[in-house]
Protein backbone atom coordinates (compact mmCIF):
# COMPACT_ATOMS: atom_id res chain seq x y z
CA UNK A 1 0.96 47.97 -2.46
CA UNK A 2 -2.53 48.77 -3.73
CA UNK A 3 -4.74 46.12 -5.30
CA UNK A 4 -4.90 47.91 -8.65
CA UNK A 5 -1.10 48.07 -8.96
CA UNK A 6 -0.70 44.37 -8.12
CA UNK A 7 -3.60 43.43 -10.41
CA UNK A 8 -2.13 45.50 -13.26
CA UNK A 9 1.23 43.74 -12.87
CA UNK A 10 -0.35 40.29 -12.99
CA UNK A 11 -2.49 41.36 -15.98
CA UNK A 12 0.55 42.71 -17.83
CA UNK A 13 2.44 39.46 -17.20
CA UNK A 14 -0.54 37.43 -18.37
CA UNK A 15 -0.83 39.48 -21.57
CA UNK A 16 2.87 38.96 -22.29
CA UNK A 17 2.57 35.21 -21.65
CA UNK A 18 -0.56 34.94 -23.80
CA UNK A 19 1.12 36.82 -26.66
CA UNK A 20 4.21 34.60 -26.34
CA UNK A 21 2.07 31.44 -26.44
CA UNK A 22 -0.07 32.95 -29.23
CA UNK A 23 -3.34 32.51 -27.27
CA UNK A 24 -4.18 36.15 -26.52
CA UNK A 25 -7.74 35.98 -27.87
CA UNK A 26 -8.55 32.79 -25.92
CA UNK A 27 -7.20 34.25 -22.67
CA UNK A 28 -9.15 37.47 -23.29
CA UNK A 29 -12.37 35.46 -23.64
CA UNK A 30 -11.49 33.56 -20.45
CA UNK A 31 -10.94 36.77 -18.49
CA UNK A 32 -14.30 38.10 -19.70
CA UNK A 33 -15.90 34.82 -18.64
CA UNK A 34 -14.31 35.02 -15.19
CA UNK A 35 -15.26 38.70 -14.76
CA UNK A 36 -18.88 38.02 -15.77
CA UNK A 37 -19.04 35.00 -13.45
CA UNK A 38 -17.56 36.98 -10.55
CA UNK A 39 -19.88 39.95 -11.16
CA UNK A 40 -22.97 37.73 -11.27
CA UNK A 41 -22.02 35.39 -8.42
CA UNK A 42 -21.43 37.20 -5.15
CA UNK A 43 -20.81 33.91 -3.34
CA UNK A 44 -17.80 33.12 -5.52
CA UNK A 45 -16.02 36.34 -4.65
CA UNK A 46 -16.99 36.06 -0.97
CA UNK A 47 -15.39 32.61 -0.88
CA UNK A 48 -12.25 33.79 -2.70
CA UNK A 49 -11.87 36.80 -0.40
CA UNK A 50 -12.60 34.94 2.81
CA UNK A 51 -9.62 34.48 5.14
CA UNK A 52 -11.41 31.51 6.73
CA UNK A 53 -11.53 29.44 3.52
CA UNK A 54 -8.23 27.62 2.94
CA UNK A 55 -6.29 28.19 -0.27
CA UNK A 56 -6.65 24.55 -1.32
CA UNK A 57 -10.43 24.89 -1.10
CA UNK A 58 -10.34 28.13 -3.13
CA UNK A 59 -8.27 26.40 -5.82
CA UNK A 60 -10.77 23.54 -5.77
CA UNK A 61 -13.61 26.01 -6.36
CA UNK A 62 -11.76 27.61 -9.28
CA UNK A 63 -10.87 24.18 -10.63
CA UNK A 64 -14.46 22.93 -10.57
CA UNK A 65 -15.80 26.10 -12.19
CA UNK A 66 -13.15 26.92 -14.77
CA UNK A 67 -10.62 24.13 -15.45
CA UNK A 68 -12.61 22.60 -18.33
CA UNK A 69 -13.98 25.92 -19.58
CA UNK A 70 -10.83 28.05 -19.96
CA UNK A 71 -7.52 27.76 -21.79
CA UNK A 72 -4.68 26.12 -19.87
CA UNK A 73 -2.75 29.43 -19.73
CA UNK A 74 -5.72 31.10 -18.03
CA UNK A 75 -6.10 28.30 -15.54
CA UNK A 76 -2.36 28.32 -14.87
CA UNK A 77 -2.60 31.97 -13.77
CA UNK A 78 -5.50 31.06 -11.43
CA UNK A 79 -3.28 28.37 -9.96
CA UNK A 80 -0.29 30.72 -9.52
CA UNK A 81 -2.44 33.45 -7.97
CA UNK A 82 -3.93 30.98 -5.51
CA UNK A 83 -0.49 29.66 -4.52
CA UNK A 84 0.62 33.26 -3.91
CA UNK A 85 -2.44 33.87 -1.67
CA UNK A 86 -3.82 36.53 -4.02
CA UNK A 87 -7.11 34.90 -4.98
CA UNK A 88 -9.04 37.82 -3.49
CA UNK A 89 -7.89 40.01 -6.39
CA UNK A 90 -8.53 37.64 -9.31
CA UNK A 91 -11.53 39.74 -10.37
CA UNK A 92 -9.34 42.87 -10.37
CA UNK A 93 -6.70 41.04 -12.41
CA UNK A 94 -9.35 40.01 -14.95
CA UNK A 95 -10.60 43.60 -15.13
CA UNK A 96 -7.07 44.98 -15.58
CA UNK A 97 -6.39 42.35 -18.25
CA UNK A 98 -9.49 43.43 -20.20
CA UNK A 99 -8.44 47.09 -19.95
CA UNK A 100 -4.90 46.30 -21.10
CA UNK A 101 -6.19 44.12 -23.94
CA UNK A 102 -8.51 46.89 -25.16
CA UNK A 103 -5.65 49.37 -25.01
CA UNK A 104 -3.39 46.98 -26.93
CA UNK A 105 -6.03 46.47 -29.63
CA UNK A 106 -7.03 50.16 -29.80
CA UNK A 107 -10.56 49.53 -28.53
CA UNK A 108 -12.32 52.35 -26.68
CA UNK A 109 -15.28 51.67 -24.41
CA UNK A 110 -18.14 54.13 -24.48
CA UNK A 111 -21.38 54.05 -22.54
CA UNK A 112 -24.57 55.65 -23.74
CA UNK A 113 -27.54 56.00 -21.38
CA UNK A 114 -30.93 56.58 -22.97
CA UNK A 115 -34.56 56.37 -21.85
CA UNK A 116 -35.42 53.92 -24.66
CA UNK A 117 -33.40 51.26 -26.53
CA UNK A 118 -31.23 52.58 -29.36
CA UNK A 119 -32.08 51.89 -32.97
CA UNK A 120 -29.38 50.47 -35.24
CA UNK A 121 -29.06 53.87 -36.92
CA UNK A 122 -28.52 55.72 -33.61
CA UNK A 123 -26.08 53.05 -32.42
CA UNK A 124 -24.09 53.51 -35.61
CA UNK A 125 -24.13 57.32 -35.25
CA UNK A 126 -22.87 57.17 -31.65
CA UNK A 127 -20.11 54.78 -32.67
CA UNK A 128 -19.03 57.03 -35.56
CA UNK A 129 -19.04 60.17 -33.38
CA UNK A 130 -16.93 58.59 -30.65
CA UNK A 131 -14.62 56.86 -33.15
CA UNK A 132 -13.92 60.16 -34.94
CA UNK A 133 -13.30 61.95 -31.63
CA UNK A 134 -10.98 59.29 -30.17
CA UNK A 135 -9.48 57.68 -33.26
CA UNK A 136 -10.20 54.25 -31.77
CA UNK A 137 -12.45 51.32 -32.49
CA UNK A 138 -15.54 51.71 -30.31
CA UNK A 139 -17.20 49.15 -28.08
CA UNK A 140 -20.55 50.73 -27.24
CA UNK A 141 -22.32 49.73 -24.05
CA UNK A 142 -25.98 50.67 -23.83
CA UNK A 143 -27.88 51.35 -20.62
CA UNK A 144 -31.49 52.30 -20.10
CA UNK A 145 -32.66 54.94 -17.63
CA UNK A 146 -36.33 55.85 -17.90
CA UNK A 147 -35.79 58.85 -15.58
CA UNK A 148 -33.96 60.74 -18.34
CA UNK A 149 -37.27 61.55 -20.09
CA UNK A 150 -35.41 62.08 -23.40
CA UNK A 151 -31.96 62.73 -24.82
CA UNK A 152 -28.86 60.82 -23.79
CA UNK A 153 -25.76 60.70 -21.59
CA UNK A 154 -22.55 59.63 -23.32
CA UNK A 155 -19.50 58.58 -21.28
CA UNK A 156 -16.05 57.92 -22.70
CA UNK A 157 -13.32 57.36 -20.11
CA UNK A 158 -13.60 60.27 -17.69
CA UNK A 159 -15.52 62.54 -20.09
CA UNK A 160 -19.29 62.82 -20.11
CA UNK A 161 -21.75 64.58 -22.39
CA UNK A 162 -25.12 65.04 -20.75
CA UNK A 163 -27.69 65.92 -23.40
CA UNK A 164 -30.66 64.61 -21.46
CA UNK A 165 -33.90 66.50 -21.01
CA UNK A 166 -33.69 65.82 -17.26
CA UNK A 167 -30.37 67.68 -17.15
CA UNK A 168 -31.76 70.60 -19.18
CA UNK A 169 -34.79 70.85 -16.87
CA UNK A 170 -32.51 70.91 -13.81
CA UNK A 171 -30.42 73.71 -15.37
CA UNK A 172 -33.57 75.68 -16.14
CA UNK A 173 -34.80 75.15 -12.58
CA UNK A 174 -31.53 76.53 -11.21
CA UNK A 175 -31.70 79.56 -13.51
CA UNK A 176 -35.28 80.31 -12.46
CA UNK A 177 -34.33 79.99 -8.79
CA UNK A 178 -31.69 82.73 -9.23
């Protein structure tokens, strides 16, 4: 079975448990914390994925890092996953949980890439445009790419609008080559 299917099943179970215990928001924050920690700490994920490191040691690592920082429901899932020898996919479970939570709450992620930081007015305009197109609450992620020269690239799910000057120059270059 693929990692994403297994991770999605664990995430779905965790969401159901968190809703039942009425701690959904706390567990969501914990999963974001774990995902950020895993993304910024390569050594953590190398240890969790290593077949050489024993499961007790992996649980000890998770315990020292997260036991006092996360809700008991979140830590209980870390414990269960470790006992089931699935600690290598905890980051995928956290990611799937965040996706499922956003879907449950009607939150849509959008990414806008610009050559300069957005002003509050532009940020608001992007959010309104995407919200009206998707009918969802928007969580806008901003990225900077100085190679764009000007304009923007907007990504929502698998759709992308490339209104960058770099893209327009490349199109013009192709037209002139023909």
